[in-house]
Protein backbone atom coordinates (compact mmCIF):
# COMPACT_ATOMS: atom_id res chain seq x y z
CA MET A 1 9.46 -14.56 78.97
CA LYS A 2 9.13 -11.53 81.21
CA LEU A 3 12.64 -10.00 81.23
CA SER A 4 15.74 -9.94 79.03
CA ILE A 5 18.97 -8.33 80.21
CA VAL A 6 21.19 -7.45 77.23
CA SER A 7 24.84 -6.45 77.39
CA THR A 8 27.95 -6.42 75.21
CA LEU A 9 31.41 -7.77 75.98
CA TYR A 10 34.62 -5.99 75.06
CA GLN A 11 37.53 -6.27 77.49
CA SER A 12 34.93 -7.13 80.11
CA ALA A 13 36.71 -10.06 81.78
CA PRO A 14 37.62 -8.24 85.04
CA HIS A 15 33.98 -7.35 85.73
CA LEU A 16 32.04 -10.17 84.09
CA ILE A 17 31.54 -12.53 87.05
CA GLU A 18 30.35 -9.74 89.36
CA PHE A 19 28.17 -8.31 86.61
CA TYR A 20 26.51 -11.69 86.05
CA GLN A 21 25.90 -12.28 89.76
CA ARG A 22 24.36 -8.87 90.29
CA CYS A 23 22.17 -9.24 87.18
CA VAL A 24 20.86 -12.59 88.37
CA SER A 25 20.12 -11.17 91.82
CA VAL A 26 18.18 -8.15 90.56
CA ALA A 27 16.40 -10.17 87.84
CA ARG A 28 15.10 -12.68 90.39
CA GLN A 29 13.76 -9.83 92.51
CA TRP A 30 11.70 -8.49 89.63
CA ALA A 31 10.97 -11.47 87.37
CA GLN A 32 11.51 -14.48 89.67
CA ASP A 33 12.80 -17.24 87.38
CA ASP A 34 11.32 -15.85 84.16
CA PHE A 35 14.33 -14.02 82.72
CA GLU A 36 17.34 -14.35 80.41
CA ILE A 37 20.73 -12.66 80.14
CA VAL A 38 22.03 -12.07 76.59
CA LEU A 39 25.77 -11.38 76.35
CA VAL A 40 27.14 -10.30 72.95
CA ASN A 41 30.87 -10.83 72.49
CA ASP A 42 32.01 -8.01 70.21
CA GLY A 43 35.36 -9.54 69.26
CA SER A 44 36.81 -8.96 72.72
CA PRO A 45 40.61 -9.48 72.73
CA ASP A 46 40.69 -10.78 76.32
CA ASP A 47 39.12 -13.95 77.75
CA SER A 48 35.63 -12.43 78.10
CA LEU A 49 34.18 -15.01 75.71
CA GLU A 50 35.63 -17.99 77.58
CA LYS A 51 34.29 -16.70 80.90
CA ALA A 52 30.89 -15.98 79.39
CA ILE A 53 30.67 -19.48 77.88
CA ASP A 54 31.51 -21.03 81.28
CA ILE A 55 28.68 -19.02 82.81
CA ALA A 56 26.25 -20.02 80.04
CA MET A 57 27.09 -23.72 80.40
CA ALA A 58 26.35 -23.51 84.12
CA ASP A 59 23.19 -21.39 83.92
CA TYR A 60 20.46 -21.86 81.32
CA HIS A 61 19.36 -18.24 81.86
CA VAL A 62 22.47 -17.02 80.03
CA LYS A 63 22.88 -16.85 76.25
CA VAL A 64 26.19 -15.87 74.66
CA VAL A 65 26.14 -14.45 71.13
CA ASP A 66 29.66 -14.58 69.69
CA LEU A 67 30.24 -12.20 66.79
CA SER A 68 32.75 -13.14 64.09
CA ARG A 69 34.84 -10.02 64.78
CA ASN A 70 34.64 -6.59 66.39
CA PHE A 71 31.79 -4.67 64.74
CA GLY A 72 31.44 -1.84 67.24
CA HIS A 73 29.47 -1.16 70.40
CA HIS A 74 26.31 0.17 68.77
CA LYS A 75 25.96 -2.67 66.26
CA ALA A 76 26.63 -5.25 68.98
CA MET A 77 23.84 -3.78 71.10
CA MET A 78 21.40 -3.98 68.19
CA THR A 79 22.39 -7.62 67.68
CA GLY A 80 21.76 -8.34 71.35
CA LEU A 81 18.30 -6.79 71.11
CA GLN A 82 17.57 -9.02 68.11
CA HIS A 83 18.25 -12.10 70.26
CA ALA A 84 16.28 -10.89 73.28
CA GLN A 85 12.89 -12.56 73.79
CA GLY A 86 11.56 -10.84 76.91
CA ASP A 87 8.48 -8.66 77.23
CA PHE A 88 10.75 -6.12 78.88
CA ILE A 89 14.35 -5.59 77.81
CA PHE A 90 16.98 -4.05 80.07
CA LEU A 91 20.02 -2.84 78.11
CA ILE A 92 23.16 -2.10 80.10
CA ASP A 93 26.95 -2.12 79.73
CA SER A 94 28.88 -4.89 81.46
CA ASP A 95 31.73 -2.76 82.85
CA LEU A 96 29.76 -1.96 86.05
CA GLU A 97 29.98 1.78 85.44
CA GLU A 98 26.19 1.47 85.39
CA GLU A 99 24.71 -0.58 88.21
CA PRO A 100 22.49 -3.57 87.33
CA GLU A 101 20.38 -2.59 90.34
CA TYR A 102 19.03 0.35 88.30
CA LEU A 103 16.53 -2.19 86.95
CA ASN A 104 14.30 -1.86 90.03
CA PRO A 105 13.75 1.92 89.98
CA PHE A 106 13.53 1.88 86.18
CA ALA A 107 10.81 -0.79 86.31
CA GLU A 108 8.91 1.03 89.02
CA GLN A 109 8.91 4.25 86.98
CA LEU A 110 8.02 2.48 83.72
CA LEU A 111 5.01 0.71 85.24
CA SER A 112 3.78 3.66 87.29
CA GLN A 113 4.00 6.17 84.42
CA GLY A 114 2.90 3.76 81.68
CA CYS A 115 5.78 4.69 79.40
CA ASP A 116 7.70 2.51 76.94
CA VAL A 117 11.25 3.48 77.87
CA VAL A 118 13.03 4.60 81.00
CA TYR A 119 16.59 5.64 80.25
CA GLY A 120 19.45 6.67 82.48
CA VAL A 121 20.81 10.22 82.51
CA GLN A 122 24.00 11.14 84.35
CA GLN A 123 23.65 13.71 87.11
CA GLN A 124 27.12 14.90 86.12
CA ARG A 125 29.16 13.66 83.20
CA LYS A 126 32.08 11.56 84.44
CA GLY A 127 35.71 12.20 83.53
CA GLY A 128 37.98 15.22 83.37
CA TRP A 129 37.21 18.66 82.03
CA PHE A 130 38.08 17.70 78.46
CA GLU A 131 35.78 14.68 78.44
CA ARG A 132 32.92 16.74 79.87
CA TRP A 133 33.57 19.64 77.47
CA SER A 134 33.82 17.41 74.39
CA GLY A 135 30.67 15.51 75.40
CA GLN A 136 28.66 18.72 75.76
CA GLY A 137 30.09 20.00 72.49
CA PHE A 138 28.98 16.81 70.73
CA TYR A 139 25.34 17.24 71.74
CA ARG A 140 25.33 20.94 70.84
CA MET A 141 26.85 20.33 67.42
CA PHE A 142 24.49 17.43 66.72
CA GLU A 143 21.41 19.46 67.67
CA ALA A 144 22.59 22.48 65.65
CA LEU A 145 23.24 20.42 62.51
CA THR A 146 20.30 18.00 62.67
CA GLY A 147 17.59 19.81 64.62
CA LEU A 148 17.18 16.72 66.84
CA ALA A 149 17.35 17.52 70.54
CA LEU A 150 18.83 14.31 71.92
CA PRO A 151 18.69 13.83 75.69
CA LYS A 152 22.02 15.03 77.05
CA ASN A 153 24.41 12.88 79.10
CA ILE A 154 22.46 9.67 78.53
CA VAL A 155 23.96 6.32 79.45
CA THR A 156 23.44 2.89 77.93
CA ALA A 157 21.22 1.64 80.76
CA ARG A 158 17.56 1.65 79.73
CA LEU A 159 14.47 -0.49 80.29
CA MET A 160 12.26 -0.91 77.22
CA THR A 161 8.98 -2.58 76.35
CA ARG A 162 8.75 -5.25 73.68
CA ARG A 163 6.77 -3.04 71.28
CA TYR A 164 9.41 -0.32 71.49
CA VAL A 165 12.26 -2.77 70.82
CA ASN A 166 10.35 -4.27 67.88
CA ALA A 167 10.01 -0.77 66.42
CA LEU A 168 13.68 0.00 67.11
CA LEU A 169 14.77 -3.13 65.24
CA MET A 170 12.88 -1.99 62.16
CA HIS A 171 15.82 0.35 61.47
CA THR A 172 18.12 -1.50 59.10
CA GLU A 173 20.79 1.06 58.18
CA ARG A 174 24.39 -0.14 58.16
CA GLU A 175 25.86 2.99 59.77
CA VAL A 176 24.35 2.70 63.24
CA PHE A 177 24.21 5.69 65.62
CA ILE A 178 22.13 4.12 68.34
CA ALA A 179 21.41 7.24 70.41
CA GLY A 180 19.77 8.77 67.35
CA LEU A 181 17.78 5.59 66.69
CA TRP A 182 16.60 5.53 70.32
CA TYR A 183 15.27 9.06 69.90
CA THR A 184 13.73 8.79 66.43
CA THR A 185 11.90 5.54 67.25
CA GLY A 186 9.57 7.64 69.36
CA PHE A 187 7.05 6.28 71.89
CA THR A 188 6.90 7.63 75.44
CA GLN A 189 10.39 7.87 76.92
CA GLN A 190 11.21 9.15 80.40
CA PRO A 191 14.61 9.93 81.98
CA HIS A 192 15.87 8.65 85.31
CA MET A 193 18.83 10.29 87.05
CA VAL A 194 21.72 7.91 87.74
CA THR A 195 25.33 8.09 88.79
CA LYS A 196 27.81 6.58 86.34
CA HIS A 197 30.93 5.22 87.97
CA SER A 198 34.41 5.22 86.48
CA THR A 199 35.89 1.70 86.39
CA SER A 200 38.13 2.15 83.36
CA GLN A 201 39.52 4.78 81.03
CA THR A 202 37.16 5.80 78.26
CA SER A 203 37.92 4.44 74.79
CA TYR A 204 36.19 7.42 73.16
CA THR A 205 39.11 9.67 72.25
CA PHE A 206 38.59 13.11 70.72
CA ARG A 207 39.31 11.67 67.28
CA ARG A 208 36.75 8.91 67.78
CA LYS A 209 34.17 11.39 69.07
CA MET A 210 34.67 13.50 65.94
CA ALA A 211 34.19 10.39 63.81
CA VAL A 212 30.97 9.59 65.69
CA LEU A 213 29.79 13.19 65.22
CA VAL A 214 30.39 13.07 61.45
CA ASN A 215 28.66 9.67 61.19
CA SER A 216 25.69 10.73 63.32
CA VAL A 217 25.12 14.06 61.56
CA THR A 218 25.35 12.59 58.06
CA SER A 219 23.05 9.73 59.11
CA PHE A 220 20.28 11.97 60.44
CA SER A 221 20.50 15.21 58.48
CA ASN A 222 21.24 16.72 55.07
CA ALA A 223 22.10 20.06 56.71
CA PRO A 224 25.78 19.95 55.59
CA LEU A 225 24.70 19.61 51.95
CA ILE A 226 22.21 22.46 52.30
CA GLY A 227 24.88 24.50 54.04
CA ILE A 228 27.26 23.98 51.13
CA PHE A 229 24.60 25.30 48.74
CA TYR A 230 24.02 28.48 50.77
CA ILE A 231 27.72 29.10 51.35
CA GLY A 232 28.35 28.76 47.61
CA LEU A 233 25.42 31.07 46.89
CA SER A 234 26.76 33.65 49.36
CA ILE A 235 30.28 33.54 47.89
CA SER A 236 28.87 33.92 44.38
CA GLY A 237 26.81 36.93 45.48
CA LEU A 238 29.77 38.62 47.17
CA ALA A 239 31.99 37.91 44.17
CA SER A 240 29.39 39.41 41.80
CA VAL A 241 29.13 42.58 43.88
CA TYR A 242 32.93 42.88 44.02
CA CYS A 243 33.25 42.38 40.25
CA LEU A 244 30.68 45.11 39.67
CA TYR A 245 32.66 47.40 41.97
CA LEU A 246 35.89 46.73 40.04
CA ILE A 247 34.21 47.38 36.70
CA LEU A 248 32.80 50.68 37.92
CA LEU A 249 36.20 51.61 39.35
CA TRP A 250 37.85 50.92 36.00
CA LEU A 251 35.22 52.81 33.99
CA TYR A 252 34.98 55.97 36.05
CA ARG A 253 38.43 56.28 37.64
CA ALA A 254 40.55 54.42 35.06
CA GLN A 255 42.54 52.67 37.75
CA THR A 256 44.66 49.64 36.80
CA LEU A 257 43.76 46.55 38.80
CA SER A 258 46.57 45.15 40.96
CA GLY A 259 47.13 43.00 44.01
CA TRP A 260 48.55 39.55 43.41
CA THR A 261 48.46 38.79 47.16
CA SER A 262 44.70 39.18 47.38
CA VAL A 263 44.23 37.17 44.19
CA MET A 264 46.33 34.27 45.47
CA ALA A 265 44.62 34.38 48.88
CA SER A 266 41.24 34.18 47.16
CA ILE A 267 42.37 31.25 45.01
CA TRP A 268 43.64 29.32 48.03
CA LEU A 269 40.50 30.13 50.03
CA LEU A 270 38.12 29.03 47.32
CA GLY A 271 40.26 26.00 46.44
CA GLY A 272 40.25 24.82 50.05
CA MET A 273 36.50 25.33 50.36
CA ILE A 274 35.84 23.44 47.13
CA ILE A 275 37.95 20.49 48.30
CA SER A 276 36.22 20.40 51.71
CA PHE A 277 32.79 20.61 50.06
CA ILE A 278 33.65 17.74 47.77
CA GLY A 279 34.70 15.80 50.88
CA VAL A 280 31.29 16.37 52.49
CA VAL A 281 29.54 15.18 49.36
CA GLY A 282 31.89 12.19 49.33
CA ILE A 283 30.84 11.24 52.87
CA TYR A 284 27.20 11.12 51.80
CA LEU A 285 28.09 9.13 48.68
CA SER A 286 30.03 6.62 50.81
CA LYS A 287 26.95 6.16 53.01
CA ILE A 288 24.80 5.54 49.95
CA TYR A 289 27.39 3.03 48.74
CA SER A 290 27.38 1.28 52.12
CA GLU A 291 23.58 1.10 52.27
CA THR A 292 23.12 -0.16 48.71
CA LYS A 293 25.44 -3.14 49.32
CA GLN A 294 23.04 -4.35 52.04
CA ARG A 295 25.74 -6.18 53.97
CA PRO A 296 24.73 -7.41 57.44
CA TYR A 297 26.01 -5.04 60.11
CA THR A 298 27.08 -7.97 62.27
CA ILE A 299 27.81 -11.65 61.66
CA VAL A 300 27.15 -14.17 64.41
CA ARG A 301 29.75 -16.94 64.60
CA GLN A 302 27.97 -19.04 67.23
CA VAL A 303 25.37 -18.85 69.98
CA TYR A 304 26.14 -20.61 73.26
CA GLU A 305 23.33 -21.57 75.63
CA LYS A 306 22.35 -24.42 77.89
CA ARG A 307 18.97 -26.08 77.53
CA LYS A 308 16.68 -25.77 80.48
CA ASP A 309 16.14 -29.52 80.74
């Protein structure tokens, strides 16, 4: 099979029919009749699944992978890639914020440059000032803490070769940060400027972005643990110098030590730092615990597809 178009469904009912029609149109332009559309239902609370099944029963090009519950966008995308069989795989969101017609320029660039991935990059990040500011802050913090320079303002839309997807699927960790996996998989990847539309309000709140940042940093770097060591070493050094100063002050000037305020402030400061450091270590331990259990990161309830005959 030449082409697989992979997408996830979560509250996608308002856009699903148009998304399907546009995908079929652009797929026929590039792959004639040799294509498939893989839709992964990530526990959508609306009637996205019912609409997708109706489409699949009417068109043998469509396969619907129904997950047993909501597992999250990144894990659902990885599951969709596992079910894709094409030599080229086009990954895209189904909310029409990214146009299915991007397939044509992506394919032209991929074939002309001989690369393995062409991924979309926003010309300007969509949303208000807070969304743009928090998005930029995420990439800066991630790069500072991990040393990995992820492409900024990337979107889901990307065209990939089969060998790249096979390598991507070799990652089996349970805590999936897919943008990091895209980057660390390697191969030749080239950006393509796109415009991302705004069809709905983003579900990535500041709290959720912070959770993604913590998950991504602890998945790809041990920098927080190393930072704890150096901070502790610095505090110990400063405390040793201060203790030496107090001893010398007592020996040569016979001054009585006083200052309960500074003592209590130091206790609270060090106590708070110790608790936060234990929390960082706890995050890493929880990831080890999650990985050692080896639970599947998604569970497929049923696959719906119509036979070609």
